[in-house]
């Protein structure tokens, strides 16, 4: 995956990254942290249950973040009934 990114880059960009890595990579770390933070704030575009399109500005949409710290998952829902259905299904699967 990362090698594929490098294959698409120009030589000057590759040299800049190499120099940054030799200096401890604080700029790369900060850029990655910022991008990860942005992605974590985003809502999914479709409901995880009914697959309808979610309006991110809607007050009736919900996002559930779950799982262990190092492998968190995110599911978005268009309404409370889809969120309830998802939770009931997850609880039933866990109880089996």
C-alpha atoms as a PDB file:
ATOM      1  CA  UNK A   1       0.000   0.000   0.000  1.00  0.00           C
ATOM      2  CA  UNK A   2       2.661   2.542   0.997  1.00  0.00           C
ATOM      3  CA  UNK A   3       4.922   1.358  -1.802  1.00  0.00           C
ATOM      4  CA  UNK A   4       2.085   2.106  -4.232  1.00  0.00           C
ATOM      5  CA  UNK A   5       1.938   5.670  -2.916  1.00  0.00           C
ATOM      6  CA  UNK A   6       5.672   6.072  -3.438  1.00  0.00           C
ATOM      7  CA  UNK A   7       5.352   4.819  -7.023  1.00  0.00           C
ATOM      8  CA  UNK A   8       2.963   7.700  -7.765  1.00  0.00           C
ATOM      9  CA  UNK A   9       5.191  10.422  -6.290  1.00  0.00           C
ATOM     10  CA  UNK A  10       7.687  12.702  -7.975  1.00  0.00           C
ATOM     11  CA  UNK A  11      11.385  12.509  -7.081  1.00  0.00           C
ATOM     12  CA  UNK A  12      11.371  15.864  -5.266  1.00  0.00           C
ATOM     13  CA  UNK A  13       8.519  14.652  -3.011  1.00  0.00           C
ATOM     14  CA  UNK A  14      10.323  11.374  -2.309  1.00  0.00           C
ATOM     15  CA  UNK A  15      13.480  13.265  -1.339  1.00  0.00           C
ATOM     16  CA  UNK A  16      11.502  15.569   0.949  1.00  0.00           C
ATOM     17  CA  UNK A  17       9.931  12.575   2.708  1.00  0.00           C
ATOM     18  CA  UNK A  18      13.310  10.901   3.079  1.00  0.00           C
ATOM     19  CA  UNK A  19      14.781  14.068   4.618  1.00  0.00           C
ATOM     20  CA  UNK A  20      11.794  14.328   6.968  1.00  0.00           C
ATOM     21  CA  UNK A  21      12.220  10.702   8.071  1.00  0.00           C
ATOM     22  CA  UNK A  22      15.924  11.245   8.759  1.00  0.00           C
ATOM     23  CA  UNK A  23      14.953  14.180  11.023  1.00  0.00           C
ATOM     24  CA  UNK A  24      12.539  12.095  13.104  1.00  0.00           C
ATOM     25  CA  UNK A  25       9.459  12.808  10.930  1.00  0.00           C
ATOM     26  CA  UNK A  26       7.605  15.315  13.172  1.00  0.00           C
ATOM     27  CA  UNK A  27       5.841  16.922  10.177  1.00  0.00           C
ATOM     28  CA  UNK A  28       4.697  13.552   8.823  1.00  0.00           C
ATOM     29  CA  UNK A  29       3.476  12.494  12.260  1.00  0.00           C
ATOM     30  CA  UNK A  30       1.508  15.717  12.713  1.00  0.00           C
ATOM     31  CA  UNK A  31      -0.012  15.496   9.220  1.00  0.00           C
ATOM     32  CA  UNK A  32      -1.068  11.876   9.807  1.00  0.00           C
ATOM     33  CA  UNK A  33      -2.522  12.690  13.227  1.00  0.00           C
ATOM     34  CA  UNK A  34      -4.539  15.571  11.743  1.00  0.00           C
ATOM     35  CA  UNK A  35      -5.856  13.419   8.893  1.00  0.00           C
ATOM     36  CA  UNK A  36      -6.822  10.594  11.252  1.00  0.00           C
ATOM     37  CA  UNK A  37      -8.626  13.077  13.501  1.00  0.00           C
ATOM     38  CA  UNK A  38     -10.581  14.409  10.494  1.00  0.00           C
ATOM     39  CA  UNK A  39     -11.594  10.906   9.408  1.00  0.00           C
ATOM     40  CA  UNK A  40     -12.758   9.988  12.909  1.00  0.00           C
ATOM     41  CA  UNK A  41     -15.087  13.009  12.937  1.00  0.00           C
ATOM     42  CA  UNK A  42     -16.771  12.068   9.652  1.00  0.00           C
ATOM     43  CA  UNK A  43     -20.122  10.370   9.479  1.00  0.00           C
ATOM     44  CA  UNK A  44     -20.637   7.538   7.040  1.00  0.00           C
ATOM     45  CA  UNK A  45     -22.682   8.464   3.974  1.00  0.00           C
ATOM     46  CA  UNK A  46     -25.095   5.515   4.193  1.00  0.00           C
ATOM     47  CA  UNK A  47     -26.996   3.889   7.033  1.00  0.00           C
ATOM     48  CA  UNK A  48     -25.356   0.676   8.243  1.00  0.00           C
ATOM     49  CA  UNK A  49     -28.749  -1.043   8.483  1.00  0.00           C
ATOM     50  CA  UNK A  50     -31.045   0.140   5.667  1.00  0.00           C
ATOM     51  CA  UNK A  51     -28.400   1.630   3.324  1.00  0.00           C
ATOM     52  CA  UNK A  52     -30.334   4.904   2.910  1.00  0.00           C
ATOM     53  CA  UNK A  53     -28.379   8.102   2.354  1.00  0.00           C
ATOM     54  CA  UNK A  54     -27.595  10.019   5.548  1.00  0.00           C
ATOM     55  CA  UNK A  55     -27.753  13.800   5.717  1.00  0.00           C
ATOM     56  CA  UNK A  56     -24.703  14.737   7.850  1.00  0.00           C
ATOM     57  CA  UNK A  57     -26.439  17.948   8.990  1.00  0.00           C
ATOM     58  CA  UNK A  58     -29.476  16.062  10.284  1.00  0.00           C
ATOM     59  CA  UNK A  59     -30.015  15.980  14.037  1.00  0.00           C
ATOM     60  CA  UNK A  60     -31.696  12.561  13.720  1.00  0.00           C
ATOM     61  CA  UNK A  61     -28.649  10.696  12.415  1.00  0.00           C
ATOM     62  CA  UNK A  62     -26.356   8.784  14.759  1.00  0.00           C
ATOM     63  CA  UNK A  63     -22.833   7.373  14.675  1.00  0.00           C
ATOM     64  CA  UNK A  64     -21.725   4.571  16.948  1.00  0.00           C
ATOM     65  CA  UNK A  65     -18.019   4.018  17.583  1.00  0.00           C
ATOM     66  CA  UNK A  66     -17.187   0.659  19.133  1.00  0.00           C
ATOM     67  CA  UNK A  67     -14.440  -1.910  19.523  1.00  0.00           C
ATOM     68  CA  UNK A  68     -11.033  -1.961  21.170  1.00  0.00           C
ATOM     69  CA  UNK A  69      -8.883   1.189  21.100  1.00  0.00           C
ATOM     70  CA  UNK A  70      -6.514  -0.187  18.468  1.00  0.00           C
ATOM     71  CA  UNK A  71      -9.254  -1.485  16.140  1.00  0.00           C
ATOM     72  CA  UNK A  72     -12.248   0.824  16.538  1.00  0.00           C
ATOM     73  CA  UNK A  73     -15.160   0.526  14.135  1.00  0.00           C
ATOM     74  CA  UNK A  74     -17.741   3.133  13.189  1.00  0.00           C
ATOM     75  CA  UNK A  75     -21.349   2.622  12.096  1.00  0.00           C
ATOM     76  CA  UNK A  76     -23.758   5.395  11.131  1.00  0.00           C
ATOM     77  CA  UNK A  77     -27.544   5.270  11.225  1.00  0.00           C
ATOM     78  CA  UNK A  78     -30.264   7.377   9.610  1.00  0.00           C
ATOM     79  CA  UNK A  79     -32.638   7.146  12.596  1.00  0.00           C
ATOM     80  CA  UNK A  80     -33.125   5.685  16.062  1.00  0.00           C
ATOM     81  CA  UNK A  81     -34.964   2.588  14.775  1.00  0.00           C
ATOM     82  CA  UNK A  82     -31.963   1.546  12.656  1.00  0.00           C
ATOM     83  CA  UNK A  83     -29.631   2.128  15.607  1.00  0.00           C
ATOM     84  CA  UNK A  84     -31.891  -0.001  17.842  1.00  0.00           C
ATOM     85  CA  UNK A  85     -32.064  -2.776  15.233  1.00  0.00           C
ATOM     86  CA  UNK A  86     -28.269  -2.793  14.926  1.00  0.00           C
ATOM     87  CA  UNK A  87     -27.753  -2.943  18.691  1.00  0.00           C
ATOM     88  CA  UNK A  88     -30.325  -5.727  19.166  1.00  0.00           C
ATOM     89  CA  UNK A  89     -28.734  -7.751  16.373  1.00  0.00           C
ATOM     90  CA  UNK A  90     -25.235  -7.285  17.865  1.00  0.00           C
ATOM     91  CA  UNK A  91     -26.452  -8.302  21.330  1.00  0.00           C
ATOM     92  CA  UNK A  92     -28.207 -11.411  19.932  1.00  0.00           C
ATOM     93  CA  UNK A  93     -25.068 -12.454  18.027  1.00  0.00           C
ATOM     94  CA  UNK A  94     -22.912 -12.006  21.139  1.00  0.00           C
ATOM     95  CA  UNK A  95     -25.296 -14.088  23.286  1.00  0.00           C
ATOM     96  CA  UNK A  96     -25.137 -17.099  20.960  1.00  0.00           C
END
